[in-house]
Amino acid sequence: MLHDQARERLNLLPGAIREASSWADVARRLGYGGSSGSAYATMKRAAVQLGVDTSHLPDAANARVIHPSSAIPFARQAADERLRSAAIGEAVSWFLRRGYTPSLPVEPTRYDIVVESDEGLKKVQVKTTTRQKGGRFQVGVSRMEYRAVAASTTNVRRVRATYTCEDVDFFFVITSGGDRYLIPTRVVGGHTVISLGEKYRAFLVP
């Protein structure tokens, strides 16, 4: 029965292709239910074997596919200036995919997320960089701190301060080039800016 049906479809295929305006139309004419990819593959393979001209049909596995610009209302491209806004989400996703549960602090802290690890909870500060110098990405690994200008005045000023190992255990760094680093705070060594060169290559993560 199945062989007879397949043979009948094969005989009808050339005529259906000539009269149809799309592969979905061909499928309907041949009595295929739905629009499975296997049905389209079978029809296209048979058309090639029979030498049937299909140039007038859209060359797609599913003729109902619409051009992305009209089908998807998200036409904006990724931009470096939006990297910082997306960074914490990317870091959270990275840990989750490896089976480690991250949590976001409910109050301002010196770390961005705290994550379960094989050695207990770890505090992680997420950093991004789009700046290059000499072919290397530079990353600011400092924080701004308010300090009194003098004991006799209430004036304060913002100064750049380094992170300690008590503040943060790791820096999760995302570059605009798509690389990710997981760098222990102790390796940064109290610097306010680091350059992602050979010294940090061992901390690249997939």
Protein backbone atom coordinates (compact mmCIF):
# COMPACT_ATOMS: atom_id res chain seq x y z
CA MET A 1 0.00 0.00 0.00
CA LEU A 2 2.75 2.43 1.00
CA HIS A 3 4.79 1.50 -2.06
CA ASP A 4 1.77 2.11 -4.31
CA GLN A 5 1.22 5.53 -2.74
CA ALA A 6 4.89 6.46 -3.16
CA ARG A 7 4.81 5.31 -6.80
CA GLU A 8 1.70 7.36 -7.49
CA ARG A 9 3.26 10.46 -5.94
CA LEU A 10 6.38 9.94 -8.03
CA ASN A 11 4.28 9.79 -11.20
CA LEU A 12 2.36 12.94 -10.25
CA LEU A 13 5.43 14.87 -9.11
CA PRO A 14 6.51 16.40 -12.48
CA GLY A 15 3.04 17.77 -13.19
CA ALA A 16 2.60 19.03 -9.63
CA ILE A 17 5.93 20.87 -9.79
CA ARG A 18 5.10 22.51 -13.14
CA GLU A 19 1.73 23.78 -11.87
CA ALA A 20 2.76 24.74 -8.33
CA SER A 21 4.10 28.07 -7.12
CA SER A 22 5.90 26.73 -4.03
CA TRP A 23 7.11 23.49 -2.48
CA ALA A 24 4.23 23.74 -0.01
CA ASP A 25 1.86 23.83 -3.01
CA VAL A 26 3.58 20.73 -4.44
CA ALA A 27 3.13 18.94 -1.11
CA ARG A 28 -0.58 19.76 -1.04
CA ARG A 29 -1.07 18.52 -4.61
CA LEU A 30 0.60 15.23 -3.72
CA GLY A 31 -1.40 14.76 -0.55
CA TYR A 32 1.36 15.17 2.03
CA GLY A 33 -0.11 16.00 5.41
CA GLY A 34 1.44 18.98 7.19
CA SER A 35 4.77 20.34 6.01
CA SER A 36 7.43 18.04 7.42
CA GLY A 37 11.02 18.56 6.38
CA SER A 38 11.29 14.90 5.33
CA ALA A 39 8.47 15.35 2.79
CA TYR A 40 10.21 18.36 1.21
CA ALA A 41 13.51 16.50 1.12
CA THR A 42 11.86 13.50 -0.56
CA MET A 43 10.18 15.67 -3.21
CA LYS A 44 13.32 17.65 -3.99
CA ARG A 45 15.46 14.51 -4.21
CA ALA A 46 12.96 12.87 -6.56
CA ALA A 47 12.78 16.01 -8.71
CA VAL A 48 16.55 15.93 -9.18
CA GLN A 49 16.48 12.24 -10.10
CA LEU A 50 13.71 12.85 -12.65
CA GLY A 51 15.40 15.93 -14.06
CA VAL A 52 12.38 18.16 -13.39
CA ASP A 53 12.95 21.92 -13.58
CA THR A 54 12.24 23.48 -10.14
CA SER A 55 13.82 26.89 -10.76
CA HIS A 56 10.45 28.64 -10.39
CA LEU A 57 10.02 27.31 -6.83
CA PRO A 58 11.57 29.01 -3.78
CA ASP A 59 14.69 27.08 -2.81
CA ALA A 60 13.78 26.46 0.82
CA ALA A 61 12.92 23.38 2.84
CA ASN A 62 9.72 25.05 3.96
CA ALA A 63 8.15 27.48 1.51
CA ARG A 64 6.31 29.22 4.32
CA VAL A 65 9.55 30.65 5.72
CA ILE A 66 9.35 34.45 5.65
CA HIS A 67 12.33 36.76 5.28
CA PRO A 68 13.72 37.49 8.76
CA SER A 69 13.35 41.25 8.35
CA SER A 70 9.58 40.88 8.17
CA ALA A 71 9.14 37.79 10.35
CA ILE A 72 11.19 38.79 13.40
CA PRO A 73 10.67 42.19 15.05
CA PHE A 74 14.27 42.32 16.35
CA ALA A 75 16.31 43.72 13.50
CA ARG A 76 18.90 45.58 15.57
CA GLN A 77 22.45 44.29 15.44
CA ALA A 78 24.65 43.58 18.47
CA ALA A 79 26.55 46.70 19.49
CA ASP A 80 29.56 47.18 21.74
CA GLU A 81 27.84 49.92 23.74
CA ARG A 82 25.23 47.39 24.88
CA LEU A 83 27.78 44.82 26.03
CA ARG A 84 27.81 46.08 29.62
CA SER A 85 24.03 45.81 29.91
CA ALA A 86 24.10 42.20 28.71
CA ALA A 87 27.18 41.10 30.67
CA ILE A 88 25.62 39.88 33.92
CA GLY A 89 23.05 37.86 31.99
CA GLU A 90 25.83 36.25 29.96
CA ALA A 91 27.80 35.43 33.10
CA VAL A 92 24.75 33.93 34.81
CA SER A 93 24.06 31.82 31.70
CA TRP A 94 27.67 30.62 31.60
CA PHE A 95 27.53 29.29 35.16
CA LEU A 96 24.03 27.83 34.81
CA ARG A 97 25.00 25.83 31.72
CA ARG A 98 27.75 24.21 33.77
CA GLY A 99 25.44 23.31 36.62
CA TYR A 100 26.48 26.03 39.08
CA THR A 101 23.70 28.15 40.57
CA PRO A 102 24.36 31.91 40.63
CA SER A 103 22.48 34.39 42.80
CA LEU A 104 22.14 38.15 42.47
CA PRO A 105 22.54 40.29 45.61
CA VAL A 106 19.42 42.19 46.69
CA GLU A 107 21.49 45.14 47.95
CA PRO A 108 24.54 46.93 46.48
CA THR A 109 27.69 44.90 47.04
CA ARG A 110 31.24 44.84 45.70
CA TYR A 111 30.45 41.71 43.69
CA ASP A 112 27.81 41.23 40.99
CA ILE A 113 26.87 37.60 41.59
CA VAL A 114 27.62 34.88 44.10
CA VAL A 115 27.96 31.39 42.67
CA GLU A 116 27.98 27.86 43.99
CA SER A 117 31.27 26.16 43.17
CA ASP A 118 33.09 22.91 43.85
CA GLU A 119 34.77 24.75 46.73
CA GLY A 120 31.75 26.57 48.17
CA LEU A 121 30.26 29.96 47.38
CA LYS A 122 32.36 32.37 45.30
CA LYS A 123 31.87 36.10 44.77
CA VAL A 124 32.18 37.19 41.15
CA GLN A 125 32.56 40.68 39.70
CA VAL A 126 31.54 40.93 36.03
CA LYS A 127 33.62 43.18 33.77
CA THR A 128 33.46 44.05 30.08
CA THR A 129 35.91 45.60 27.68
CA THR A 130 35.74 47.09 24.22
CA ARG A 131 39.04 48.95 24.49
CA GLN A 132 42.15 47.72 22.73
CA LYS A 133 45.71 48.89 23.09
CA GLY A 134 48.46 47.31 21.05
CA GLY A 135 46.09 44.56 19.93
CA ARG A 136 45.15 43.62 23.50
CA PHE A 137 41.95 44.30 25.38
CA GLN A 138 42.30 46.47 28.46
CA VAL A 139 39.99 45.88 31.41
CA GLY A 140 39.29 48.19 34.31
CA VAL A 141 39.30 46.06 37.45
CA SER A 142 38.80 48.79 40.00
CA ARG A 143 35.87 50.43 41.75
CA MET A 144 35.04 54.00 42.71
CA GLU A 145 35.12 54.83 46.39
CA TYR A 146 34.06 57.96 48.21
CA ARG A 147 36.61 59.41 50.63
CA ALA A 148 36.68 62.55 52.73
CA VAL A 149 38.97 65.25 51.39
CA ALA A 150 40.00 66.26 54.92
CA ALA A 151 38.94 65.41 58.45
CA SER A 152 37.76 68.97 59.06
CA THR A 153 35.34 69.11 56.14
CA THR A 154 32.35 67.17 54.96
CA ASN A 155 33.47 67.36 51.33
CA VAL A 156 34.12 64.00 49.71
CA ARG A 157 35.76 62.94 46.50
CA ARG A 158 35.64 59.81 44.36
CA VAL A 159 38.84 57.83 44.11
CA ARG A 160 39.70 54.65 42.26
CA ALA A 161 40.20 51.70 44.59
CA THR A 162 41.31 48.14 43.96
CA TYR A 163 39.42 44.98 44.84
CA THR A 164 40.78 42.65 47.49
CA CYS A 165 40.33 38.90 47.74
CA GLU A 166 37.87 39.58 50.58
CA ASP A 167 35.77 41.72 48.22
CA VAL A 168 35.73 39.43 45.19
CA ASP A 169 36.98 35.92 44.41
CA PHE A 170 36.88 36.09 40.60
CA PHE A 171 36.51 38.53 37.73
CA PHE A 172 34.33 37.26 34.89
CA VAL A 173 35.50 39.31 31.90
CA ILE A 174 33.67 39.52 28.56
CA THR A 175 35.35 41.21 25.59
CA SER A 176 33.60 42.74 22.60
CA GLY A 177 35.42 40.09 20.57
CA GLY A 178 33.41 37.36 22.28
CA ASP A 179 36.15 35.98 24.57
CA ARG A 180 35.41 35.18 28.21
CA TYR A 181 37.87 35.04 31.07
CA LEU A 182 37.45 33.82 34.64
CA ILE A 183 40.34 35.41 36.52
CA PRO A 184 41.07 34.93 40.24
CA THR A 185 41.40 38.22 42.11
CA ARG A 186 44.77 37.15 43.51
CA VAL A 187 46.16 36.96 39.97
CA VAL A 188 45.18 40.57 39.24
CA GLY A 189 47.47 41.60 42.08
CA GLY A 190 45.92 44.92 43.10
CA HIS A 191 46.03 46.51 39.62
CA THR A 192 43.30 48.92 38.55
CA VAL A 193 43.70 48.07 34.84
CA ILE A 194 44.90 44.85 33.23
CA SER A 195 45.78 43.97 29.65
CA LEU A 196 44.49 40.61 28.48
CA GLY A 197 47.71 39.29 27.05
CA GLU A 198 49.74 36.14 27.54
CA LYS A 199 49.60 36.38 31.34
CA TYR A 200 45.86 35.80 31.36
CA ARG A 201 45.57 33.34 28.49
CA ALA A 202 45.30 30.43 30.94
CA PHE A 203 42.08 31.93 32.28
CA LEU A 204 40.20 31.94 28.96
CA VAL A 205 37.02 29.89 29.29
CA PRO A 206 34.82 28.38 26.56
